[in-house]
Protein backbone atom coordinates (compact mmCIF):
# COMPACT_ATOMS: atom_id res chain seq x y z
CA UNK A 1 118.82 133.93 113.60
CA UNK A 2 122.68 133.47 114.40
CA UNK A 3 123.96 129.84 114.48
CA UNK A 4 125.07 128.85 117.80
CA UNK A 5 126.57 125.90 119.68
CA UNK A 6 124.66 122.97 120.96
CA UNK A 7 127.55 121.71 123.27
CA UNK A 8 126.69 121.85 126.91
CA UNK A 9 128.08 125.32 128.66
CA UNK A 10 129.70 126.48 125.27
CA UNK A 11 128.73 130.11 124.28
CA UNK A 12 129.91 130.31 120.62
CA UNK A 13 127.94 132.35 118.59
CA UNK A 14 128.26 133.22 114.98
CA UNK A 15 128.16 136.98 115.34
CA UNK A 16 130.46 136.64 118.89
CA UNK A 17 133.50 139.25 118.09
CA UNK A 18 135.83 136.88 120.33
CA UNK A 19 135.28 134.44 117.63
CA UNK A 20 135.88 136.79 114.83
CA UNK A 21 138.92 138.79 116.58
CA UNK A 22 141.08 135.17 116.71
CA UNK A 23 141.68 135.85 112.61
CA UNK A 24 141.08 131.73 112.37
CA UNK A 25 138.70 130.04 110.18
CA UNK A 26 135.74 129.28 112.74
CA UNK A 27 132.81 127.62 111.74
CA UNK A 28 129.58 125.48 112.99
CA UNK A 29 128.97 121.77 111.87
CA UNK A 30 125.69 119.78 111.52
CA UNK A 31 125.39 116.76 112.59
CA UNK A 32 126.44 114.08 110.58
CA UNK A 33 123.76 111.67 108.81
CA UNK A 34 123.83 108.07 108.43
CA UNK A 35 123.72 107.03 104.98
CA UNK A 36 121.68 103.97 105.24
CA UNK A 37 121.56 103.72 101.58
CA UNK A 38 125.22 103.49 101.06
CA UNK A 39 127.06 100.40 100.48
CA UNK A 40 127.23 98.63 103.59
CA UNK A 41 130.53 99.59 105.46
CA UNK A 42 129.70 103.26 104.56
CA UNK A 43 126.76 102.97 106.13
CA UNK A 44 128.12 100.91 109.34
CA UNK A 45 130.93 103.77 109.55
CA UNK A 46 128.05 107.01 109.44
CA UNK A 47 126.07 105.28 111.49
CA UNK A 48 128.55 104.98 114.45
CA UNK A 49 129.38 108.42 113.70
CA UNK A 50 126.18 109.94 114.29
CA UNK A 51 125.97 107.56 117.60
CA UNK A 52 129.33 109.36 118.80
CA UNK A 53 128.12 112.73 117.93
CA UNK A 54 125.02 112.36 119.85
CA UNK A 55 126.81 110.61 122.61
CA UNK A 56 129.47 113.60 122.81
CA UNK A 57 126.80 116.43 122.91
CA UNK A 58 124.61 114.71 125.69
CA UNK A 59 121.46 116.65 125.18
CA UNK A 60 117.94 114.86 126.13
CA UNK A 61 116.11 116.37 123.11
CA UNK A 62 118.83 115.18 120.62
CA UNK A 63 118.23 111.35 119.79
CA UNK A 64 119.57 109.08 116.61
CA UNK A 65 116.07 109.58 114.92
CA UNK A 66 115.65 112.89 115.71
CA UNK A 67 118.41 115.70 115.10
CA UNK A 68 116.97 119.48 114.88
CA UNK A 69 118.68 121.04 112.44
CA UNK A 70 119.41 124.29 114.30
CA UNK A 71 121.50 121.84 116.90
CA UNK A 72 125.28 122.80 115.81
CA UNK A 73 128.89 122.13 116.78
CA UNK A 74 131.52 124.67 116.75
CA UNK A 75 135.21 124.82 116.01
CA UNK A 76 135.91 124.41 119.64
CA UNK A 77 135.60 121.07 120.15
CA UNK A 78 137.86 119.84 117.29
CA UNK A 79 141.58 119.58 117.79
CA UNK A 80 141.79 121.06 114.01
CA UNK A 81 138.86 123.11 114.45
CA UNK A 82 136.86 121.08 111.90
CA UNK A 83 135.23 117.44 111.64
CA UNK A 84 137.60 114.80 110.06
CA UNK A 85 136.84 112.81 107.07
CA UNK A 86 133.92 110.39 107.99
CA UNK A 87 135.67 107.41 106.82
CA UNK A 88 138.86 108.06 108.65
CA UNK A 89 137.44 106.75 112.03
CA UNK A 90 140.96 106.73 114.00
CA UNK A 91 141.14 110.63 113.72
CA UNK A 92 140.63 112.26 116.75
CA UNK A 93 138.22 114.96 115.21
CA UNK A 94 135.92 112.06 114.02
CA UNK A 95 133.56 113.16 116.65
CA UNK A 96 134.07 116.34 119.02
CA UNK A 97 135.65 115.55 121.87
CA UNK A 98 137.00 118.76 123.38
CA UNK A 99 135.17 120.83 126.18
CA UNK A 100 132.13 118.86 126.40
CA UNK A 101 130.82 120.33 129.34
CA UNK A 102 130.26 116.61 130.67
CA UNK A 103 132.94 113.97 131.50
CA UNK A 104 130.99 110.94 130.38
CA UNK A 105 132.99 110.86 127.17
CA UNK A 106 136.75 111.41 127.35
CA UNK A 107 138.62 114.11 125.33
CA UNK A 108 140.90 112.66 122.67
CA UNK A 109 144.47 113.12 121.97
CA UNK A 110 146.12 113.18 118.68
CA UNK A 111 149.57 111.48 119.82
CA UNK A 112 148.59 108.13 118.93
CA UNK A 113 147.03 109.49 115.45
CA UNK A 114 150.34 110.94 114.92
CA UNK A 115 152.31 107.88 115.17
CA UNK A 116 149.98 106.22 112.85
CA UNK A 117 150.74 108.65 110.40
CA UNK A 118 154.60 108.80 110.61
CA UNK A 119 154.52 104.79 110.56
CA UNK A 120 152.50 104.77 107.47
CA UNK A 121 154.73 107.56 105.56
CA UNK A 122 158.08 105.90 106.95
CA UNK A 123 156.52 102.33 105.59
CA UNK A 124 156.06 104.36 101.69
CA UNK A 125 159.11 103.77 99.49
CA UNK A 126 161.52 106.71 99.13
CA UNK A 127 161.96 108.50 95.62
CA UNK A 128 165.16 109.81 93.93
CA UNK A 129 168.55 110.11 95.13
CA UNK A 130 167.90 109.00 98.36
CA UNK A 131 166.22 105.39 97.31
CA UNK A 132 168.84 105.19 94.90
CA UNK A 133 171.49 105.37 97.60
CA UNK A 134 169.56 103.01 99.71
CA UNK A 135 170.09 100.21 96.88
CA UNK A 136 173.28 101.05 96.24
CA UNK A 137 174.19 100.39 99.90
CA UNK A 138 172.29 97.40 100.08
CA UNK A 139 174.42 96.02 97.28
CA UNK A 140 177.33 96.37 98.63
CA UNK A 141 178.96 99.61 97.76
CA UNK A 142 179.88 102.12 100.77
CA UNK A 143 178.30 105.70 100.70
CA UNK A 144 177.82 107.71 103.57
CA UNK A 145 173.91 108.17 103.99
CA UNK A 146 172.96 111.69 104.08
CA UNK A 147 171.09 112.46 107.61
CA UNK A 148 168.25 114.84 106.98
CA UNK A 149 166.10 116.32 109.90
CA UNK A 150 163.02 114.56 108.29
CA UNK A 151 164.44 110.96 108.29
CA UNK A 152 165.77 111.64 111.84
CA UNK A 153 162.23 112.81 113.21
CA UNK A 154 160.45 109.96 111.17
CA UNK A 155 162.93 107.66 113.45
CA UNK A 156 162.64 109.16 116.59
CA UNK A 157 159.69 107.88 118.19
CA UNK A 158 160.54 104.37 116.76
CA UNK A 159 163.49 104.29 118.70
CA UNK A 160 162.78 106.90 121.80
CA UNK A 161 159.15 105.67 122.26
CA UNK A 162 159.05 101.76 122.21
CA UNK A 163 156.67 101.63 125.08
CA UNK A 164 153.81 103.57 122.66
CA UNK A 165 155.01 101.19 119.73
CA UNK A 166 154.33 98.38 122.16
CA UNK A 167 150.59 99.96 123.26
CA UNK A 168 149.95 100.48 119.22
CA UNK A 169 151.07 96.80 118.50
CA UNK A 170 148.77 95.64 120.96
CA UNK A 171 145.99 97.98 119.72
CA UNK A 172 146.21 96.35 116.43
CA UNK A 173 146.01 92.66 117.78
CA UNK A 174 142.60 93.74 119.40
CA UNK A 175 141.36 95.43 116.13
CA UNK A 176 142.12 92.29 114.21
CA UNK A 177 140.00 90.31 116.58
CA UNK A 178 137.13 93.03 116.87
CA UNK A 179 136.87 92.65 113.19
CA UNK A 180 136.86 88.50 113.36
CA UNK A 181 134.60 88.72 115.99
CA UNK A 182 132.07 91.21 113.99
CA UNK A 183 132.42 89.28 111.01
CA UNK A 184 131.23 86.18 112.73
CA UNK A 185 128.23 87.78 114.52
CA UNK A 186 127.32 89.37 110.87
CA UNK A 187 127.48 85.70 109.74
CA UNK A 188 125.19 84.41 112.29
CA UNK A 189 123.16 87.35 112.02
CA UNK A 190 122.27 86.52 108.69
CA UNK A 191 121.63 82.95 109.58
CA UNK A 192 119.43 84.02 112.29
CA UNK A 193 117.53 86.43 110.24
CA UNK A 194 116.54 83.60 107.32
CA UNK A 195 115.72 80.97 110.43
CA UNK A 196 112.96 84.11 111.56
CA UNK A 197 112.01 84.36 107.99
CA UNK A 198 110.76 80.68 108.36
CA UNK A 199 108.63 81.07 111.33
CA UNK A 200 106.94 84.65 110.34
CA UNK A 201 103.99 84.30 109.25
CA UNK A 202 103.81 86.62 106.22
CA UNK A 203 103.62 86.01 102.43
CA UNK A 204 107.24 84.07 102.30
CA UNK A 205 105.98 81.48 105.04
CA UNK A 206 103.09 80.21 102.84
CA UNK A 207 104.29 80.88 99.17
CA UNK A 208 104.93 77.43 96.90
CA UNK A 209 103.58 75.51 100.07
CA UNK A 210 99.89 74.56 99.08
CA UNK A 211 99.74 71.76 102.21
CA UNK A 212 100.33 74.56 104.16
CA UNK A 213 97.44 76.79 102.66
CA UNK A 214 95.25 74.41 102.52
CA UNK A 215 96.17 73.74 106.40
CA UNK A 216 96.11 77.23 107.82
CA UNK A 217 93.39 79.22 105.33
CA UNK A 218 91.36 75.94 103.81
CA UNK A 219 91.70 77.24 100.35
CA UNK A 220 93.40 74.72 98.03
CA UNK A 221 96.03 76.77 96.85
CA UNK A 222 98.53 79.88 97.41
CA UNK A 223 97.74 81.62 93.99
CA UNK A 224 93.80 81.21 95.22
CA UNK A 225 94.94 83.02 98.19
CA UNK A 226 96.62 85.35 96.69
CA UNK A 227 93.63 86.22 94.37
CA UNK A 228 91.18 86.59 97.48
CA UNK A 229 93.55 89.15 99.06
CA UNK A 230 93.79 91.12 95.62
CA UNK A 231 90.34 91.40 95.54
CA UNK A 232 89.52 92.88 99.13
CA UNK A 233 93.03 94.66 99.54
CA UNK A 234 91.23 98.03 97.97
CA UNK A 235 89.06 97.55 101.00
CA UNK A 236 91.57 96.92 103.77
CA UNK A 237 93.15 99.77 105.80
CA UNK A 238 96.33 101.14 104.75
CA UNK A 239 99.40 99.05 105.78
CA UNK A 240 100.48 101.74 108.12
CA UNK A 241 99.72 99.05 110.89
CA UNK A 242 101.94 96.93 112.72
CA UNK A 243 100.80 93.86 110.16
CA UNK A 244 100.46 93.60 106.80
CA UNK A 245 97.19 93.05 104.73
CA UNK A 246 98.29 89.62 103.72
CA UNK A 247 99.01 89.16 107.57
CA UNK A 248 95.38 90.28 107.95
CA UNK A 249 93.76 88.15 105.71
CA UNK A 250 96.05 85.39 107.25
CA UNK A 251 94.99 86.20 110.63
CA UNK A 252 91.40 86.14 109.92
CA UNK A 253 91.25 82.50 108.09
CA UNK A 254 93.21 81.27 110.53
CA UNK A 255 90.71 81.98 113.34
CA UNK A 256 88.02 80.51 111.06
CA UNK A 257 89.78 77.64 109.92
CA UNK A 258 91.57 76.18 112.99
CA UNK A 259 89.49 78.41 115.51
CA UNK A 260 92.51 79.47 117.77
CA UNK A 261 92.06 81.65 120.83
CA UNK A 262 92.20 85.56 120.11
CA UNK A 263 95.18 85.41 122.49
CA UNK A 264 96.78 82.61 120.87
CA UNK A 265 96.66 84.57 117.43
CA UNK A 266 98.09 87.67 119.29
CA UNK A 267 101.13 85.89 120.41
CA UNK A 268 101.61 84.34 116.38
CA UNK A 269 101.62 88.01 114.78
CA UNK A 270 102.97 89.84 118.10
CA UNK A 271 100.44 92.27 118.80
CA UNK A 272 97.71 93.07 121.57
CA UNK A 273 94.90 90.89 121.67
CA UNK A 274 92.33 94.17 120.90
CA UNK A 275 94.24 94.88 117.86
CA UNK A 276 93.42 91.05 116.99
CA UNK A 277 89.78 91.20 117.61
CA UNK A 278 89.44 94.44 115.85
CA UNK A 279 91.63 93.26 112.42
CA UNK A 280 89.48 89.70 112.59
CA UNK A 281 86.32 92.14 112.55
CA UNK A 282 87.11 94.25 110.04
CA UNK A 283 88.32 91.69 107.86
CA UNK A 284 85.28 89.41 108.01
CA UNK A 285 82.79 92.79 107.04
CA UNK A 286 85.42 92.85 103.77
CA UNK A 287 85.38 89.34 102.73
CA UNK A 288 81.57 89.27 103.48
CA UNK A 289 81.10 92.67 101.22
CA UNK A 290 83.50 90.82 98.63
CA UNK A 291 82.79 87.09 98.74
CA UNK A 292 79.01 87.15 99.47
CA UNK A 293 78.23 87.08 95.74
CA UNK A 294 80.13 83.84 95.23
CA UNK A 295 76.80 82.02 97.20
CA UNK A 296 74.78 82.57 94.31
CA UNK A 297 71.18 80.93 92.95
CA UNK A 298 72.37 79.85 89.39
CA UNK A 299 70.09 79.87 86.66
CA UNK A 300 68.60 76.13 85.64
CA UNK A 301 70.36 75.96 82.43
CA UNK A 302 73.43 76.20 84.14
CA UNK A 303 72.36 73.51 86.47
CA UNK A 304 70.95 71.32 83.80
CA UNK A 305 74.19 71.75 81.75
CA UNK A 306 76.71 69.49 84.71
CA UNK A 307 73.48 67.91 85.93
CA UNK A 308 75.18 64.54 87.76
CA UNK A 309 73.61 61.38 86.20
CA UNK A 310 72.26 59.72 89.60
CA UNK A 311 69.69 63.06 89.72
CA UNK A 312 68.13 62.36 85.67
CA UNK A 313 67.96 58.72 86.34
CA UNK A 314 65.68 59.72 89.97
CA UNK A 315 63.88 63.17 89.08
CA UNK A 316 64.81 64.26 85.83
CA UNK A 317 66.56 67.34 84.73
CA UNK A 318 64.74 69.65 87.13
CA UNK A 319 66.11 69.44 90.64
CA UNK A 320 67.46 72.74 91.24
CA UNK A 321 68.33 72.77 95.12
CA UNK A 322 68.53 70.39 98.27
CA UNK A 323 68.01 71.97 101.66
CA UNK A 324 68.49 71.63 105.02
CA UNK A 325 69.08 73.39 108.30
CA UNK A 326 72.35 72.91 110.38
CA UNK A 327 72.50 74.47 113.98
CA UNK A 328 75.51 76.24 116.03
CA UNK A 329 75.92 76.10 119.01
CA UNK A 330 75.88 79.61 121.34
CA UNK A 331 76.24 80.84 124.96
CA UNK A 332 73.23 81.15 126.82
CA UNK A 333 71.53 84.21 126.84
CA UNK A 334 70.81 86.41 130.01
CA UNK A 335 67.46 87.84 128.55
CA UNK A 336 64.54 85.47 129.41
CA UNK A 337 63.21 86.13 125.87
CA UNK A 338 66.26 85.61 124.07
CA UNK A 339 66.67 82.34 125.94
CA UNK A 340 63.77 80.83 124.98
CA UNK A 341 63.82 81.88 121.46
CA UNK A 342 67.36 79.75 120.99
CA UNK A 343 67.20 76.89 122.93
CA UNK A 344 66.66 73.86 120.89
CA UNK A 345 64.80 70.93 122.12
CA UNK A 346 66.30 68.84 119.06
CA UNK A 347 69.85 69.69 120.26
CA UNK A 348 69.33 70.77 123.98
CA UNK A 349 71.01 73.44 123.61
CA UNK A 350 70.85 77.32 123.05
CA UNK A 351 71.79 77.33 118.85
CA UNK A 352 71.00 80.10 116.03
CA UNK A 353 69.83 77.78 113.21
CA UNK A 354 70.55 78.49 109.43
CA UNK A 355 69.03 77.35 106.47
CA UNK A 356 71.30 76.35 103.41
CA UNK A 357 70.53 75.07 100.10
CA UNK A 358 73.07 73.18 97.67
CA UNK A 359 73.06 72.30 93.76
CA UNK A 360 73.07 68.86 92.63
CA UNK A 361 76.62 69.70 91.89
CA UNK A 362 77.45 70.57 95.59
CA UNK A 363 77.86 73.97 95.61
CA UNK A 364 76.11 76.19 98.16
CA UNK A 365 73.42 78.19 96.11
CA UNK A 366 71.56 79.69 99.18
CA UNK A 367 72.25 80.37 103.25
CA UNK A 368 69.64 81.78 105.39
CA UNK A 369 70.41 84.49 108.28
CA UNK A 370 70.64 82.75 111.50
CA UNK A 371 67.36 82.10 113.69
CA UNK A 372 67.05 81.14 117.24
CA UNK A 373 67.08 77.28 117.57
CA UNK A 374 63.33 77.26 118.72
CA UNK A 375 62.52 78.11 115.02
CA UNK A 376 60.89 75.18 112.76
CA UNK A 377 62.21 74.58 109.77
CA UNK A 378 59.45 75.24 107.97
CA UNK A 379 59.28 78.86 109.34
CA UNK A 380 62.50 79.70 108.49
CA UNK A 381 61.97 78.46 104.59
CA UNK A 382 58.92 80.27 104.13
CA UNK A 383 59.89 83.81 105.81
CA UNK A 384 64.23 83.62 104.96
CA UNK A 385 63.42 84.57 101.16
CA UNK A 386 64.24 80.79 99.88
CA UNK A 387 61.05 80.46 97.88
CA UNK A 388 61.86 84.13 95.79
CA UNK A 389 64.23 82.13 94.56
CA UNK A 390 62.34 79.33 92.78
CA UNK A 391 60.98 79.29 89.44
CA UNK A 392 58.27 77.47 87.74
CA UNK A 393 59.19 73.74 86.82
CA UNK A 394 61.91 73.47 89.94
CA UNK A 395 61.81 70.69 92.27
CA UNK A 396 63.29 70.86 95.83
CA UNK A 397 64.40 68.01 97.68
CA UNK A 398 64.46 68.28 101.55
CA UNK A 399 63.89 66.36 104.71
CA UNK A 400 60.63 65.54 106.62
CA UNK A 401 60.72 68.51 108.92
CA UNK A 402 60.18 70.77 105.69
CA UNK A 403 56.49 70.70 105.41
CA UNK A 404 56.11 73.13 102.93
CA UNK A 405 54.46 72.05 100.25
CA UNK A 406 51.59 74.40 99.53
CA UNK A 407 54.24 77.10 99.99
CA UNK A 408 56.65 75.59 97.28
CA UNK A 409 53.62 74.79 94.91
CA UNK A 410 52.67 78.78 95.02
CA UNK A 411 55.69 79.51 93.23
CA UNK A 412 55.02 76.69 90.68
CA UNK A 413 57.72 74.66 91.89
CA UNK A 414 57.69 70.42 93.51
CA UNK A 415 58.97 69.56 97.20
CA UNK A 416 59.97 66.23 97.21
CA UNK A 417 60.28 64.65 100.79
CA UNK A 418 60.25 61.51 102.58
CA UNK A 419 57.03 59.74 102.39
CA UNK A 420 54.89 59.62 105.92
CA UNK A 421 53.11 56.58 107.22
CA UNK A 422 50.14 58.68 108.28
CA UNK A 423 48.41 56.15 110.53
CA UNK A 424 49.50 52.95 108.07
CA UNK A 425 51.73 50.62 109.61
CA UNK A 426 54.15 50.90 107.02
CA UNK A 427 54.59 52.25 103.67
CA UNK A 428 53.78 51.08 100.31
CA UNK A 429 56.42 49.54 97.95
CA UNK A 430 56.51 52.82 95.77
CA UNK A 431 56.79 55.33 98.69
CA UNK A 432 59.66 52.95 99.91
CA UNK A 433 61.38 53.05 96.93
CA UNK A 434 60.65 57.00 96.59
CA UNK A 435 62.15 57.55 99.79
CA UNK A 436 64.98 55.45 99.37
CA UNK A 437 66.04 57.48 96.07
CA UNK A 438 65.53 60.94 97.96
CA UNK A 439 67.62 59.86 100.77
CA UNK A 440 70.49 58.35 98.12
CA UNK A 441 70.94 62.09 96.55
CA UNK A 442 69.81 64.22 99.91
CA UNK A 443 72.44 62.77 101.69
CA UNK A 444 74.53 65.34 99.74
CA UNK A 445 73.40 68.34 101.86
CA UNK A 446 74.67 66.87 105.18
CA UNK A 447 78.00 66.13 103.30
CA UNK A 448 78.25 69.85 102.01
CA UNK A 449 77.23 70.88 105.64
CA UNK A 450 79.85 68.59 107.15
CA UNK A 451 82.53 69.58 104.93
CA UNK A 452 81.66 73.73 105.79
CA UNK A 453 81.98 72.51 109.30
CA UNK A 454 85.28 70.41 109.52
CA UNK A 455 86.81 72.97 107.06
CA UNK A 456 86.04 76.28 108.92
CA UNK A 457 85.94 74.71 112.60
CA UNK A 458 85.17 78.06 114.55
CA UNK A 459 81.64 76.82 113.29
CA UNK A 460 82.31 73.86 115.78
CA UNK A 461 82.74 75.94 119.07
CA UNK A 462 80.06 77.50 121.42
CA UNK A 463 79.85 80.99 119.93
CA UNK A 464 80.04 84.15 122.12
CA UNK A 465 77.27 85.90 122.56
CA UNK A 466 78.54 89.45 121.09
CA UNK A 467 78.64 87.70 117.49
CA UNK A 468 75.11 86.96 117.36
CA UNK A 469 74.27 90.65 118.30
CA UNK A 470 73.17 92.75 115.43
CA UNK A 471 76.01 94.73 113.78
CA UNK A 472 75.92 98.44 114.16
CA UNK A 473 73.32 99.80 111.54
CA UNK A 474 72.59 96.86 110.15
CA UNK A 475 70.28 94.25 110.43
CA UNK A 476 72.75 91.21 110.50
CA UNK A 477 75.04 89.33 113.15
CA UNK A 478 78.69 88.90 112.70
CA UNK A 479 77.95 84.95 113.12
CA UNK A 480 75.78 85.75 110.08
CA UNK A 481 78.70 87.50 108.03
CA UNK A 482 80.97 84.23 109.33
CA UNK A 483 78.53 81.97 108.19
CA UNK A 484 78.04 83.25 104.79
CA UNK A 485 82.16 83.76 104.13
CA UNK A 486 82.80 80.21 105.59
CA UNK A 487 80.05 79.12 102.73
CA UNK A 488 81.43 81.31 100.03
CA UNK A 489 85.24 79.85 100.56
CA UNK A 490 83.69 76.39 100.57
CA UNK A 491 82.42 77.26 97.26
CA UNK A 492 85.80 78.15 96.08
CA UNK A 493 87.29 74.46 96.81
CA UNK A 494 86.51 71.52 94.92
CA UNK A 495 83.06 69.92 95.37
CA UNK A 496 82.56 66.82 97.83
CA UNK A 497 79.86 65.45 95.38
CA UNK A 498 81.14 65.69 91.69
CA UNK A 499 84.73 64.38 91.52
CA UNK A 500 87.18 66.00 89.99
CA UNK A 501 89.59 64.73 87.11
CA UNK A 502 91.97 64.34 89.12
CA UNK A 503 90.51 62.26 91.81
CA UNK A 504 89.23 59.89 89.48
């Protein structure tokens, strides 16, 4: 296919006989590329040149990002028949300017560029006999200076056209002012970029700032946060989205930790509300798949190896788990049956109830799925799979609402709950002492629940009904996964029961 010129109203073609008959070198030239990977001054000049060419061509299908390879410019649109060197920005042929087919870009002239070349040539030191004669005259000897056509030609523009000299001098002053302004703007741009990077919610925002990590994510250190990211990154979508994988994790943890509204998080990360909700749901599912194994039931030998001495003194070394239930407020359902099943007479609100079990060391070892607030603690304990975790000889500590002594006994384990008066006016002294000992250690499960809810405050808010609807193709709700992820993340933090060495 013969090459053609893309300038408006230009009919030049490669096989045009009128072009060949001129006998001059005639060519077609591509739109120059932006050398973005070159040094900064080369990158800036080539970028401006590309923009100048596109402005001169003025075609809607040619943009800075899209220049079809068949769009060429012929020699007719340059003074010398071809483009100038890319770094010679003052050359009139730096961009096409002749016969452009429109008046938006004015045609350049060669007069100023010619004067610039003549002036630079006159400033160069003269060599040979001419320069030695000038030096002798300067020393005081009188010699007739040879007058040549070249010398006269060089001196004529300065003598005959003082107006042009004044224009060029004014232009040089303006160029100097522009360069100073450009340098000032570049420096200001660097400062603003540095300030913006401090506010952008990315990896640099939290790096080496463990206090920020703890505030925004609940995790104790940046290294632990990066460990979580490394674990889940293969399952997260590719980074062709508007936010990175790190920001997807940070967004989700900030939502769990601070319970920020979706609209506010969307503004912080400069994305839409729909994208924010989608990212949150995807990341919660990925976190649940990777972190739920952290809520595991340890072997008895593991528990006994680090059993706190207060448990050993009161119950021996066979205490395996302390259980309790906690409730999360939810919106009232429209369905009458769902409304009745989720109403809690204890809270006088519509709730979802979860059974939680912790080890004597304070780590969460069991978390059930959500049940309606109307469901009793006993039923949840018997049908949630908790009993299948027990082994013969285990001791389970619980509150009075867990009347599951027979069910626990069937597993070969022992249940210890506070004593009932059972019609008596008061408890016996032994029952009072046992109840006091049990309450002294059972309080730890309430401390863990309080830590869980204070660390991830989304659990303290009224949960939307969309979170308590089973996920597609699963028998779990998004709220179940959020609770499980929150428990796993809490297990990654220091225990509230056993003091760390740094705290002592």
